[in-house]
Amino acid sequence: MRTEVVSQPSEAIINSFHAIEVSVELSDEQLVAEAQAGSFDAFHRLVERYESKVFRVAKSIARCREDAEEIMQDAFVQAYKNLSRFRGDSRFYTWLIRITINEGLMKLRRQRPDEISIDVQTEEGAGPCEIEDWRPNPEQCYSQEELHCILETTISELSPGYRIVFQLRDVEGFTTEETAQTLCLSPTAVKSRLRRARGHLRESLSRYFKSGSGSKRLRTAG
């Protein structure tokens, strides 16, 4: 009797199947098209892809974790409801962040009527700030975790007009044009606000480290 030998799949075949599986990662355009066609699973994958970034932007507006979570949830709900209106003229993420900012500002209007706008006085033609360097080097005095906490605190103290521009450009990596489109500003206004935001931030950090208040606050928090 002849015994048939069933060959095991070769490593090359296994690797090819693995490569096919890995390639299943779809682009934003593909997921949006599927979501617009009625696939909730596709939209859920978009949520998973961007929820951490949306939360960061929401928190830069609200500065409170609970409010940021609510803004994030409202933003995704609005994105889902209005998905049919997305035409692909910009990145899906840019469109999503625009919705997030709108939801955040509406929440601010309800909670803090005095802080309802990201508008700031024009700074065109303003000269650069002269900031005194802090001593000693903060990296020699604080851990990376402490520095991150201090930076987050000083960013939250910026006015909304500066804070949101700084968040989009320097944290989220938006281009000047994307930031301008998202906030309905001119590219010149974005550049001006970013320059002033960086100046205010560096000035605040300089005072923070020079006075030693950073270590005092951290010790008090501990």
N, C-alpha and C. Protein backbone atom coordinates (compact mmCIF):
# COMPACT_ATOMS: atom_id res chain seq x y z
N MET A 1 0.86 -1.19 0.00
CA MET A 1 0.00 0.00 0.00
C MET A 1 0.89 1.24 0.00
N ARG A 2 0.58 2.15 -0.89
CA ARG A 2 1.38 3.36 -0.96
C ARG A 2 0.83 4.42 0.00
N THR A 3 1.69 4.94 0.81
CA THR A 3 1.26 5.95 1.77
C THR A 3 1.47 7.33 1.17
N GLU A 4 0.39 8.11 1.15
CA GLU A 4 0.51 9.46 0.62
C GLU A 4 1.07 10.38 1.71
N VAL A 5 2.03 11.15 1.32
CA VAL A 5 2.65 12.08 2.25
C VAL A 5 2.10 13.47 1.99
N VAL A 6 1.47 13.99 3.01
CA VAL A 6 0.93 15.34 2.90
C VAL A 6 2.00 16.32 3.30
N SER A 7 2.47 17.10 2.37
CA SER A 7 3.56 18.03 2.66
C SER A 7 3.07 19.19 3.51
N GLN A 8 3.93 19.62 4.39
CA GLN A 8 3.62 20.77 5.23
C GLN A 8 3.84 22.05 4.44
N PRO A 9 3.06 23.07 4.70
CA PRO A 9 3.27 24.33 3.98
C PRO A 9 4.66 24.88 4.24
N SER A 10 5.29 25.32 3.22
CA SER A 10 6.65 25.83 3.36
C SER A 10 6.64 27.17 4.08
N GLU A 11 7.82 27.55 4.55
CA GLU A 11 7.95 28.82 5.27
C GLU A 11 7.64 29.99 4.35
N ALA A 12 7.99 29.83 3.05
CA ALA A 12 7.72 30.91 2.11
C ALA A 12 6.23 31.16 1.96
N ILE A 13 5.45 30.04 1.93
CA ILE A 13 3.99 30.18 1.80
C ILE A 13 3.40 30.83 3.04
N ILE A 14 3.89 30.39 4.21
CA ILE A 14 3.41 30.97 5.47
C ILE A 14 3.70 32.46 5.50
N ASN A 15 4.91 32.82 5.09
CA ASN A 15 5.29 34.24 5.09
C ASN A 15 4.43 35.04 4.12
N SER A 16 4.08 34.42 2.99
CA SER A 16 3.26 35.13 2.01
C SER A 16 1.86 35.40 2.58
N PHE A 17 1.32 34.40 3.30
CA PHE A 17 0.02 34.60 3.94
C PHE A 17 0.11 35.71 4.99
N HIS A 18 1.22 35.72 5.72
CA HIS A 18 1.43 36.74 6.75
C HIS A 18 1.51 38.12 6.11
N ALA A 19 2.19 38.19 4.96
CA ALA A 19 2.32 39.48 4.27
C ALA A 19 0.96 39.98 3.81
N ILE A 20 0.13 39.04 3.32
CA ILE A 20 -1.22 39.42 2.89
C ILE A 20 -2.01 39.95 4.08
N GLU A 21 -1.86 39.29 5.22
CA GLU A 21 -2.59 39.69 6.42
C GLU A 21 -2.18 41.07 6.88
N VAL A 22 -0.86 41.34 6.83
CA VAL A 22 -0.36 42.64 7.26
C VAL A 22 -0.86 43.74 6.33
N SER A 23 -0.95 43.40 5.02
CA SER A 23 -1.32 44.41 4.04
C SER A 23 -2.79 44.82 4.13
N VAL A 24 -3.54 44.16 5.03
CA VAL A 24 -4.96 44.47 5.17
C VAL A 24 -5.16 45.88 5.75
N GLU A 25 -4.12 46.46 6.35
CA GLU A 25 -4.21 47.81 6.91
C GLU A 25 -4.62 48.78 5.81
N LEU A 26 -5.80 49.31 5.93
CA LEU A 26 -6.36 50.16 4.88
C LEU A 26 -6.02 51.63 5.11
N SER A 27 -5.99 52.38 4.03
CA SER A 27 -5.73 53.81 4.12
C SER A 27 -6.97 54.53 4.63
N ASP A 28 -6.79 55.78 5.01
CA ASP A 28 -7.94 56.59 5.44
C ASP A 28 -8.98 56.67 4.33
N GLU A 29 -8.52 56.86 3.10
CA GLU A 29 -9.43 57.00 1.98
C GLU A 29 -10.30 55.76 1.81
N GLN A 30 -9.67 54.58 1.95
CA GLN A 30 -10.42 53.33 1.81
C GLN A 30 -11.43 53.16 2.94
N LEU A 31 -10.99 53.46 4.16
CA LEU A 31 -11.89 53.32 5.31
C LEU A 31 -13.05 54.30 5.24
N VAL A 32 -12.76 55.53 4.81
CA VAL A 32 -13.82 56.52 4.69
C VAL A 32 -14.84 56.09 3.64
N ALA A 33 -14.34 55.58 2.51
CA ALA A 33 -15.25 55.13 1.45
C ALA A 33 -16.14 54.00 1.95
N GLU A 34 -15.57 53.06 2.70
CA GLU A 34 -16.35 51.95 3.23
C GLU A 34 -17.36 52.44 4.28
N ALA A 35 -16.91 53.40 5.12
CA ALA A 35 -17.81 53.95 6.14
C ALA A 35 -18.96 54.70 5.49
N GLN A 36 -18.67 55.45 4.43
CA GLN A 36 -19.72 56.19 3.73
C GLN A 36 -20.70 55.23 3.04
N ALA A 37 -20.21 54.02 2.74
CA ALA A 37 -21.07 53.01 2.11
C ALA A 37 -21.88 52.25 3.15
N GLY A 38 -21.68 52.57 4.44
CA GLY A 38 -22.49 51.95 5.48
C GLY A 38 -21.77 51.03 6.43
N SER A 39 -20.43 50.92 6.31
CA SER A 39 -19.68 50.03 7.19
C SER A 39 -19.34 50.74 8.49
N PHE A 40 -20.01 50.33 9.57
CA PHE A 40 -19.68 50.91 10.87
C PHE A 40 -18.32 50.41 11.35
N ASP A 41 -17.94 49.20 10.95
CA ASP A 41 -16.64 48.66 11.33
C ASP A 41 -15.52 49.53 10.77
N ALA A 42 -15.68 50.01 9.55
CA ALA A 42 -14.66 50.88 8.95
C ALA A 42 -14.54 52.18 9.74
N PHE A 43 -15.69 52.74 10.14
CA PHE A 43 -15.64 53.98 10.92
C PHE A 43 -15.00 53.72 12.28
N HIS A 44 -15.30 52.56 12.88
CA HIS A 44 -14.71 52.21 14.17
C HIS A 44 -13.19 52.14 14.06
N ARG A 45 -12.69 51.65 12.94
CA ARG A 45 -11.23 51.58 12.75
C ARG A 45 -10.64 52.98 12.63
N LEU A 46 -11.38 53.90 12.04
CA LEU A 46 -10.92 55.29 11.99
C LEU A 46 -10.87 55.90 13.39
N VAL A 47 -11.87 55.56 14.20
CA VAL A 47 -11.90 56.05 15.58
C VAL A 47 -10.67 55.53 16.33
N GLU A 48 -10.39 54.25 16.20
CA GLU A 48 -9.23 53.66 16.87
C GLU A 48 -7.93 54.30 16.39
N ARG A 49 -7.88 54.66 15.12
CA ARG A 49 -6.67 55.23 14.55
C ARG A 49 -6.39 56.63 15.08
N TYR A 50 -7.45 57.39 15.37
CA TYR A 50 -7.24 58.81 15.68
C TYR A 50 -7.72 59.24 17.06
N GLU A 51 -8.24 58.34 17.87
CA GLU A 51 -8.82 58.78 19.14
C GLU A 51 -7.79 59.42 20.06
N SER A 52 -6.55 58.92 20.09
CA SER A 52 -5.56 59.52 20.99
C SER A 52 -5.19 60.93 20.53
N LYS A 53 -5.09 61.15 19.23
CA LYS A 53 -4.76 62.47 18.71
C LYS A 53 -5.92 63.44 18.92
N VAL A 54 -7.11 62.98 18.68
CA VAL A 54 -8.29 63.83 18.89
C VAL A 54 -8.39 64.21 20.36
N PHE A 55 -8.09 63.27 21.24
CA PHE A 55 -8.15 63.56 22.67
C PHE A 55 -7.14 64.63 23.06
N ARG A 56 -5.92 64.55 22.49
CA ARG A 56 -4.91 65.56 22.80
C ARG A 56 -5.38 66.95 22.40
N VAL A 57 -5.96 67.06 21.21
CA VAL A 57 -6.46 68.36 20.76
C VAL A 57 -7.61 68.83 21.64
N ALA A 58 -8.51 67.92 21.97
CA ALA A 58 -9.64 68.26 22.84
C ALA A 58 -9.15 68.75 24.20
N LYS A 59 -8.13 68.10 24.72
CA LYS A 59 -7.60 68.49 26.03
C LYS A 59 -6.88 69.84 25.97
N SER A 60 -6.30 70.14 24.80
CA SER A 60 -5.65 71.45 24.67
C SER A 60 -6.67 72.58 24.71
N ILE A 61 -7.93 72.27 24.39
CA ILE A 61 -8.99 73.27 24.45
C ILE A 61 -9.62 73.30 25.84
N ALA A 62 -9.99 72.12 26.33
CA ALA A 62 -10.73 72.03 27.59
C ALA A 62 -9.85 72.10 28.81
N ARG A 63 -8.64 71.52 28.73
CA ARG A 63 -7.68 71.46 29.84
C ARG A 63 -8.20 70.62 31.01
N CYS A 64 -9.27 69.90 30.81
CA CYS A 64 -9.82 69.02 31.83
C CYS A 64 -10.10 67.68 31.18
N ARG A 65 -9.63 66.60 31.78
CA ARG A 65 -9.73 65.28 31.16
C ARG A 65 -11.19 64.89 30.87
N GLU A 66 -12.07 65.12 31.84
CA GLU A 66 -13.46 64.74 31.67
C GLU A 66 -14.10 65.51 30.51
N ASP A 67 -13.83 66.82 30.46
CA ASP A 67 -14.38 67.63 29.37
C ASP A 67 -13.79 67.22 28.03
N ALA A 68 -12.48 66.92 28.03
CA ALA A 68 -11.82 66.50 26.79
C ALA A 68 -12.41 65.19 26.26
N GLU A 69 -12.71 64.27 27.16
CA GLU A 69 -13.32 63.00 26.75
C GLU A 69 -14.70 63.24 26.15
N GLU A 70 -15.45 64.17 26.74
CA GLU A 70 -16.78 64.47 26.22
C GLU A 70 -16.68 65.13 24.84
N ILE A 71 -15.72 66.05 24.70
CA ILE A 71 -15.51 66.71 23.41
C ILE A 71 -15.12 65.68 22.35
N MET A 72 -14.23 64.76 22.71
CA MET A 72 -13.80 63.72 21.77
C MET A 72 -14.99 62.87 21.33
N GLN A 73 -15.82 62.45 22.27
CA GLN A 73 -16.98 61.64 21.94
C GLN A 73 -17.95 62.41 21.03
N ASP A 74 -18.20 63.67 21.38
CA ASP A 74 -19.11 64.49 20.56
C ASP A 74 -18.55 64.68 19.15
N ALA A 75 -17.22 64.84 19.06
CA ALA A 75 -16.58 65.04 17.75
C ALA A 75 -16.76 63.81 16.86
N PHE A 76 -16.56 62.62 17.42
CA PHE A 76 -16.73 61.41 16.63
C PHE A 76 -18.20 61.19 16.24
N VAL A 77 -19.11 61.55 17.13
CA VAL A 77 -20.53 61.44 16.80
C VAL A 77 -20.88 62.36 15.64
N GLN A 78 -20.40 63.60 15.70
CA GLN A 78 -20.67 64.56 14.63
C GLN A 78 -20.00 64.14 13.33
N ALA A 79 -18.79 63.57 13.44
CA ALA A 79 -18.10 63.10 12.24
C ALA A 79 -18.89 61.99 11.57
N TYR A 80 -19.42 61.09 12.38
CA TYR A 80 -20.21 59.97 11.84
C TYR A 80 -21.49 60.49 11.18
N LYS A 81 -22.15 61.43 11.83
CA LYS A 81 -23.40 61.97 11.30
C LYS A 81 -23.18 62.72 9.98
N ASN A 82 -22.02 63.36 9.87
CA ASN A 82 -21.75 64.20 8.70
C ASN A 82 -20.76 63.59 7.72
N LEU A 83 -20.52 62.30 7.86
CA LEU A 83 -19.52 61.64 7.02
C LEU A 83 -19.85 61.75 5.54
N SER A 84 -21.12 61.77 5.20
CA SER A 84 -21.50 61.86 3.79
C SER A 84 -21.09 63.20 3.17
N ARG A 85 -20.84 64.21 4.03
CA ARG A 85 -20.45 65.53 3.53
C ARG A 85 -18.95 65.63 3.29
N PHE A 86 -18.21 64.65 3.76
CA PHE A 86 -16.76 64.70 3.56
C PHE A 86 -16.44 64.34 2.11
N ARG A 87 -15.80 65.28 1.40
CA ARG A 87 -15.54 65.10 -0.03
C ARG A 87 -14.08 64.80 -0.35
N GLY A 88 -13.25 64.76 0.67
CA GLY A 88 -11.85 64.45 0.41
C GLY A 88 -11.02 65.63 -0.07
N ASP A 89 -11.54 66.86 0.13
CA ASP A 89 -10.77 68.04 -0.26
C ASP A 89 -9.57 68.26 0.65
N SER A 90 -9.63 67.69 1.84
CA SER A 90 -8.52 67.74 2.78
C SER A 90 -8.34 66.34 3.36
N ARG A 91 -7.32 66.16 4.18
CA ARG A 91 -7.15 64.87 4.85
C ARG A 91 -8.34 64.63 5.78
N PHE A 92 -8.72 63.38 5.94
CA PHE A 92 -9.80 63.05 6.87
C PHE A 92 -9.45 63.54 8.26
N TYR A 93 -8.19 63.40 8.66
CA TYR A 93 -7.77 63.83 10.00
C TYR A 93 -7.94 65.33 10.17
N THR A 94 -7.61 66.11 9.13
CA THR A 94 -7.78 67.56 9.20
C THR A 94 -9.26 67.90 9.40
N TRP A 95 -10.11 67.24 8.65
CA TRP A 95 -11.56 67.43 8.76
C TRP A 95 -12.04 67.06 10.15
N LEU A 96 -11.54 65.97 10.70
CA LEU A 96 -11.93 65.49 12.03
C LEU A 96 -11.49 66.47 13.11
N ILE A 97 -10.30 67.02 12.97
CA ILE A 97 -9.80 67.97 13.96
C ILE A 97 -10.60 69.26 13.92
N ARG A 98 -11.03 69.66 12.72
CA ARG A 98 -11.87 70.86 12.62
C ARG A 98 -13.16 70.67 13.39
N ILE A 99 -13.75 69.49 13.27
CA ILE A 99 -14.96 69.18 14.02
C ILE A 99 -14.68 69.19 15.52
N THR A 100 -13.55 68.61 15.91
CA THR A 100 -13.17 68.56 17.33
C THR A 100 -13.04 69.96 17.91
N ILE A 101 -12.38 70.85 17.18
CA ILE A 101 -12.21 72.22 17.66
C ILE A 101 -13.57 72.93 17.77
N ASN A 102 -14.44 72.72 16.79
CA ASN A 102 -15.77 73.33 16.86
C ASN A 102 -16.54 72.84 18.09
N GLU A 103 -16.47 71.53 18.34
CA GLU A 103 -17.16 70.97 19.50
C GLU A 103 -16.56 71.52 20.80
N GLY A 104 -15.24 71.64 20.82
CA GLY A 104 -14.58 72.16 22.02
C GLY A 104 -14.94 73.60 22.30
N LEU A 105 -14.97 74.42 21.26
CA LEU A 105 -15.30 75.83 21.46
C LEU A 105 -16.76 76.01 21.86
N MET A 106 -17.64 75.17 21.32
CA MET A 106 -19.05 75.24 21.74
C MET A 106 -19.20 74.89 23.22
N LYS A 107 -18.40 73.93 23.67
CA LYS A 107 -18.45 73.56 25.09
C LYS A 107 -17.93 74.70 25.95
N LEU A 108 -16.88 75.38 25.47
CA LEU A 108 -16.35 76.53 26.21
C LEU A 108 -17.39 77.64 26.30
N ARG A 109 -18.15 77.84 25.23
CA ARG A 109 -19.18 78.88 25.24
C ARG A 109 -20.22 78.61 26.32
N ARG A 110 -20.53 77.32 26.50
CA ARG A 110 -21.53 76.97 27.51
C ARG A 110 -20.96 77.10 28.92
N GLN A 111 -19.69 76.74 29.09
CA GLN A 111 -19.10 76.71 30.43
C GLN A 111 -18.46 78.03 30.84
N ARG A 112 -17.73 78.65 29.89
CA ARG A 112 -16.98 79.86 30.21
C ARG A 112 -17.23 80.90 29.13
N PRO A 113 -18.31 81.67 29.27
CA PRO A 113 -18.66 82.66 28.23
C PRO A 113 -17.53 83.65 27.93
N ASP A 114 -16.62 83.87 28.89
CA ASP A 114 -15.54 84.82 28.67
C ASP A 114 -14.42 84.23 27.83
N GLU A 115 -14.48 82.90 27.56
CA GLU A 115 -13.40 82.26 26.80
C GLU A 115 -14.02 81.49 25.63
N ILE A 116 -14.68 82.25 24.74
CA ILE A 116 -15.44 81.60 23.68
C ILE A 116 -14.78 81.71 22.32
N SER A 117 -13.64 82.36 22.23
CA SER A 117 -13.05 82.58 20.93
C SER A 117 -11.58 82.27 20.94
N ILE A 118 -11.07 81.86 19.80
CA ILE A 118 -9.62 81.68 19.69
C ILE A 118 -8.99 82.92 19.06
N ASP A 119 -9.78 83.97 18.89
CA ASP A 119 -9.25 85.19 18.31
C ASP A 119 -8.32 85.87 19.31
N VAL A 120 -7.25 86.43 18.79
CA VAL A 120 -6.34 87.22 19.62
C VAL A 120 -6.01 88.49 18.84
N GLN A 121 -5.50 89.45 19.52
CA GLN A 121 -5.12 90.69 18.84
C GLN A 121 -4.04 90.38 17.82
N THR A 122 -4.11 91.10 16.71
CA THR A 122 -3.12 90.86 15.67
C THR A 122 -1.74 91.22 16.16
N GLU A 123 -0.78 90.38 15.77
CA GLU A 123 0.60 90.63 16.20
C GLU A 123 1.49 90.93 15.01
N GLU A 124 0.89 91.27 13.87
CA GLU A 124 1.68 91.51 12.68
C GLU A 124 2.66 92.66 12.94
N GLY A 125 3.90 92.40 12.58
CA GLY A 125 4.91 93.42 12.76
C GLY A 125 5.52 93.45 14.14
N ALA A 126 5.02 92.60 15.04
CA ALA A 126 5.58 92.59 16.39
C ALA A 126 6.98 92.02 16.35
N GLY A 127 7.86 92.60 17.11
CA GLY A 127 9.25 92.14 17.13
C GLY A 127 9.39 90.88 17.95
N PRO A 128 10.51 90.17 17.78
CA PRO A 128 10.75 88.95 18.54
C PRO A 128 10.96 89.24 20.01
N CYS A 129 10.56 88.30 20.85
CA CYS A 129 10.74 88.48 22.30
C CYS A 129 12.17 88.15 22.67
N GLU A 130 12.73 88.97 23.53
CA GLU A 130 14.06 88.68 24.06
C GLU A 130 13.89 87.95 25.38
N ILE A 131 14.23 86.68 25.41
CA ILE A 131 14.01 85.85 26.59
C ILE A 131 15.34 85.49 27.21
N GLU A 132 15.44 85.73 28.49
CA GLU A 132 16.66 85.38 29.20
C GLU A 132 16.74 83.87 29.41
N ASP A 133 17.89 83.29 29.12
CA ASP A 133 18.06 81.85 29.34
C ASP A 133 17.98 81.53 30.81
N TRP A 134 17.37 80.36 31.14
CA TRP A 134 17.29 79.95 32.52
C TRP A 134 18.59 79.25 32.93
N ARG A 135 18.89 79.34 34.19
CA ARG A 135 20.04 78.65 34.76
C ARG A 135 19.60 77.99 36.06
N PRO A 136 20.02 76.77 36.32
CA PRO A 136 20.84 75.92 35.48
C PRO A 136 20.01 75.25 34.39
N ASN A 137 20.64 74.44 33.56
CA ASN A 137 19.96 73.71 32.51
C ASN A 137 18.87 72.85 33.13
N PRO A 138 17.60 73.05 32.71
CA PRO A 138 16.51 72.28 33.34
C PRO A 138 16.66 70.78 33.19
N GLU A 139 17.30 70.32 32.10
CA GLU A 139 17.46 68.88 31.90
C GLU A 139 18.38 68.28 32.96
N GLN A 140 19.18 69.13 33.59
CA GLN A 140 20.07 68.64 34.64
C GLN A 140 19.36 68.57 35.99
N CYS A 141 18.18 69.18 36.08
CA CYS A 141 17.50 69.26 37.37
C CYS A 141 16.20 68.46 37.42
N TYR A 142 15.67 68.12 36.26
CA TYR A 142 14.38 67.46 36.24
C TYR A 142 14.42 66.21 35.37
N SER A 143 13.60 65.24 35.73
CA SER A 143 13.48 64.04 34.90
C SER A 143 12.64 64.37 33.68
N GLN A 144 12.67 63.49 32.67
CA GLN A 144 11.87 63.72 31.47
C GLN A 144 10.38 63.78 31.80
N GLU A 145 9.96 62.97 32.75
CA GLU A 145 8.54 62.97 33.15
C GLU A 145 8.16 64.30 33.77
N GLU A 146 9.04 64.83 34.62
CA GLU A 146 8.79 66.12 35.25
C GLU A 146 8.76 67.25 34.22
N LEU A 147 9.71 67.18 33.25
CA LEU A 147 9.75 68.20 32.21
C LEU A 147 8.48 68.17 31.36
N HIS A 148 8.00 66.96 31.07
CA HIS A 148 6.77 66.82 30.29
C HIS A 148 5.60 67.44 31.05
N CYS A 149 5.54 67.21 32.35
CA CYS A 149 4.47 67.75 33.18
C CYS A 149 4.53 69.28 33.21
N ILE A 150 5.74 69.82 33.34
CA ILE A 150 5.92 71.27 33.38
C ILE A 150 5.53 71.89 32.03
N LEU A 151 5.95 71.25 30.94
CA LEU A 151 5.63 71.77 29.62
C LEU A 151 4.12 71.74 29.38
N GLU A 152 3.48 70.66 29.79
CA GLU A 152 2.03 70.54 29.61
C GLU A 152 1.30 71.63 30.39
N THR A 153 1.80 71.92 31.59
CA THR A 153 1.19 72.96 32.42
C THR A 153 1.32 74.33 31.78
N THR A 154 2.51 74.65 31.28
CA THR A 154 2.73 75.96 30.69
C THR A 154 1.96 76.12 29.37
N ILE A 155 1.83 75.05 28.62
CA ILE A 155 1.04 75.11 27.39
C ILE A 155 -0.42 75.41 27.73
N SER A 156 -0.92 74.78 28.78
CA SER A 156 -2.33 74.97 29.16
C SER A 156 -2.60 76.41 29.61
N GLU A 157 -1.54 77.15 29.99
CA GLU A 157 -1.71 78.53 30.44
C GLU A 157 -1.75 79.52 29.28
N LEU A 158 -1.43 79.07 28.07
CA LEU A 158 -1.53 79.94 26.90
C LEU A 158 -3.01 80.27 26.64
N SER A 159 -3.26 81.43 26.07
CA SER A 159 -4.64 81.78 25.70
C SER A 159 -5.08 80.85 24.56
N PRO A 160 -6.40 80.64 24.40
CA PRO A 160 -6.88 79.71 23.37
C PRO A 160 -6.35 79.98 21.98
N GLY A 161 -6.26 81.27 21.60
CA GLY A 161 -5.79 81.61 20.26
C GLY A 161 -4.38 81.13 19.98
N TYR A 162 -3.53 81.17 21.00
CA TYR A 162 -2.15 80.69 20.85
C TYR A 162 -2.08 79.18 21.05
N ARG A 163 -2.82 78.69 22.04
CA ARG A 163 -2.70 77.29 22.44
C ARG A 163 -3.10 76.34 21.31
N ILE A 164 -4.19 76.64 20.64
CA ILE A 164 -4.67 75.73 19.61
C ILE A 164 -3.74 75.73 18.40
N VAL A 165 -3.25 76.91 18.03
CA VAL A 165 -2.29 76.98 16.92
C VAL A 165 -1.02 76.20 17.27
N PHE A 166 -0.52 76.39 18.49
CA PHE A 166 0.68 75.68 18.92
C PHE A 166 0.44 74.17 18.92
N GLN A 167 -0.73 73.74 19.39
CA GLN A 167 -1.06 72.32 19.45
C GLN A 167 -1.07 71.69 18.06
N LEU A 168 -1.70 72.36 17.12
CA LEU A 168 -1.80 71.81 15.77
C LEU A 168 -0.45 71.80 15.06
N ARG A 169 0.29 72.89 15.15
CA ARG A 169 1.55 72.98 14.40
C ARG A 169 2.69 72.20 15.05
N ASP A 170 2.91 72.41 16.34
CA ASP A 170 4.11 71.85 16.97
C ASP A 170 3.88 70.51 17.64
N VAL A 171 2.65 70.16 17.93
CA VAL A 171 2.37 68.86 18.58
C VAL A 171 1.82 67.86 17.58
N GLU A 172 0.80 68.28 16.82
CA GLU A 172 0.16 67.37 15.89
C GLU A 172 0.83 67.32 14.52
N GLY A 173 1.71 68.29 14.25
CA GLY A 173 2.45 68.26 13.00
C GLY A 173 1.69 68.75 11.78
N PHE A 174 0.64 69.54 11.98
CA PHE A 174 -0.07 70.12 10.85
C PHE A 174 0.83 71.11 10.11
N THR A 175 0.64 71.23 8.83
CA THR A 175 1.34 72.26 8.09
C THR A 175 0.67 73.60 8.38
N THR A 176 1.35 74.69 7.99
CA THR A 176 0.76 76.01 8.17
C THR A 176 -0.55 76.12 7.42
N GLU A 177 -0.58 75.57 6.18
CA GLU A 177 -1.79 75.64 5.37
C GLU A 177 -2.93 74.84 5.99
N GLU A 178 -2.63 73.64 6.51
CA GLU A 178 -3.66 72.82 7.15
C GLU A 178 -4.20 73.50 8.40
N THR A 179 -3.30 74.10 9.17
CA THR A 179 -3.72 74.80 10.38
C THR A 179 -4.62 75.99 10.03
N ALA A 180 -4.22 76.72 9.01
CA ALA A 180 -5.01 77.87 8.57
C ALA A 180 -6.39 77.43 8.12
N GLN A 181 -6.44 76.35 7.36
CA GLN A 181 -7.72 75.84 6.87
C GLN A 181 -8.61 75.36 8.02
N THR A 182 -8.00 74.68 8.97
CA THR A 182 -8.75 74.13 10.10
C THR A 182 -9.34 75.22 10.97
N LEU A 183 -8.58 76.30 11.18
CA LEU A 183 -9.01 77.36 12.08
C LEU A 183 -9.63 78.55 11.35
N CYS A 184 -9.75 78.43 10.02
CA CYS A 184 -10.31 79.53 9.21
C CYS A 184 -9.49 80.81 9.41
N LEU A 185 -8.18 80.67 9.35
CA LEU A 185 -7.27 81.79 9.47
C LEU A 185 -6.43 81.88 8.20
N SER A 186 -5.74 82.99 8.03
CA SER A 186 -4.80 83.10 6.93
C SER A 186 -3.48 82.45 7.36
N PRO A 187 -2.68 81.95 6.41
CA PRO A 187 -1.37 81.40 6.77
C PRO A 187 -0.49 82.40 7.52
N THR A 188 -0.62 83.68 7.16
CA THR A 188 0.16 84.71 7.84
C THR A 188 -0.23 84.81 9.31
N ALA A 189 -1.54 84.73 9.59
CA ALA A 189 -2.02 84.79 10.97
C ALA A 189 -1.54 83.58 11.76
N VAL A 190 -1.53 82.41 11.12
CA VAL A 190 -1.05 81.20 11.79
C VAL A 190 0.42 81.36 12.17
N LYS A 191 1.23 81.84 11.24
CA LYS A 191 2.66 82.02 11.51
C LYS A 191 2.88 83.03 12.64
N SER A 192 2.10 84.09 12.62
CA SER A 192 2.23 85.12 13.66
C SER A 192 1.86 84.56 15.02
N ARG A 193 0.73 83.85 15.10
CA ARG A 193 0.28 83.30 16.39
C ARG A 193 1.24 82.22 16.89
N LEU A 194 1.77 81.43 15.97
CA LEU A 194 2.72 80.40 16.39
C LEU A 194 3.99 81.04 16.94
N ARG A 195 4.47 82.09 16.29
CA ARG A 195 5.67 82.78 16.77
C ARG A 195 5.44 83.35 18.17
N ARG A 196 4.28 83.96 18.37
CA ARG A 196 3.99 84.54 19.67
C ARG A 196 3.74 83.46 20.72
N ALA A 197 3.10 82.35 20.31
CA ALA A 197 2.87 81.26 21.25
C ALA A 197 4.19 80.69 21.74
N ARG A 198 5.13 80.49 20.82
CA ARG A 198 6.45 79.97 21.21
C ARG A 198 7.16 80.96 22.11
N GLY A 199 7.00 82.26 21.81
CA GLY A 199 7.64 83.27 22.65
C GLY A 199 7.06 83.28 24.06
N HIS A 200 5.73 83.25 24.16
CA HIS A 200 5.08 83.23 25.47
C HIS A 200 5.46 81.96 26.24
N LEU A 201 5.51 80.85 25.52
CA LEU A 201 5.83 79.59 26.17
C LEU A 201 7.25 79.61 26.72
N ARG A 202 8.18 80.08 25.91
CA ARG A 202 9.57 80.13 26.37
C ARG A 202 9.74 81.11 27.54
N GLU A 203 9.02 82.22 27.48
CA GLU A 203 9.08 83.20 28.58
C GLU A 203 8.54 82.59 29.87
N SER A 204 7.43 81.86 29.76
CA SER A 204 6.84 81.24 30.95
C SER A 204 7.78 80.19 31.52
N LEU A 205 8.38 79.39 30.64
CA LEU A 205 9.31 78.36 31.10
C LEU A 205 10.54 78.99 31.74
N SER A 206 10.99 80.10 31.16
CA SER A 206 12.16 80.77 31.71
C SER A 206 11.89 81.24 33.14
N ARG A 207 10.73 81.87 33.35
CA ARG A 207 10.37 82.31 34.70
C ARG A 207 10.18 81.11 35.63
N TYR A 208 9.60 80.06 35.09
CA TYR A 208 9.29 78.86 35.86
C TYR A 208 10.56 78.26 36.46
N PHE A 209 11.56 78.08 35.60
CA PHE A 209 12.79 77.44 36.08
C PHE A 209 13.67 78.41 36.87
N LYS A 210 13.67 79.68 36.48
CA LYS A 210 14.50 80.65 37.17
C LYS A 210 14.06 80.84 38.61
N SER A 211 12.73 80.81 38.83
CA SER A 211 12.20 81.01 40.18
C SER A 211 12.22 79.74 41.01
N GLY A 212 12.41 78.60 40.33
CA GLY A 212 12.39 77.32 41.04
C GLY A 212 11.00 76.85 41.39
N SER A 213 9.97 77.51 40.80
CA SER A 213 8.60 77.14 41.14
C SER A 213 8.25 75.75 40.65
N GLY A 214 8.94 75.31 39.59
CA GLY A 214 8.65 73.98 39.07
C GLY A 214 8.90 72.91 40.09
N SER A 215 10.07 72.94 40.73
CA SER A 215 10.39 71.91 41.71
C SER A 215 9.51 72.04 42.93
N LYS A 216 9.12 73.29 43.29
CA LYS A 216 8.24 73.48 44.44
C LYS A 216 6.88 72.84 44.20
N ARG A 217 6.33 73.07 42.99
CA ARG A 217 5.02 72.52 42.69
C ARG A 217 5.05 71.00 42.65
N LEU A 218 6.12 70.48 42.07
CA LEU A 218 6.22 69.03 41.98
C LEU A 218 6.35 68.39 43.35
N ARG A 219 7.11 69.04 44.23
CA ARG A 219 7.26 68.50 45.57
C ARG A 219 5.93 68.58 46.32
N THR A 220 5.19 69.70 46.10
CA THR A 220 3.89 69.83 46.76
C THR A 220 2.92 68.76 46.26
N ALA A 221 2.96 68.52 44.91
CA ALA A 221 2.06 67.51 44.34
C ALA A 221 2.40 66.14 44.86
N GLY A 222 3.69 65.89 45.15
CA GLY A 222 4.08 64.57 45.67
C GLY A 222 3.69 64.43 47.12
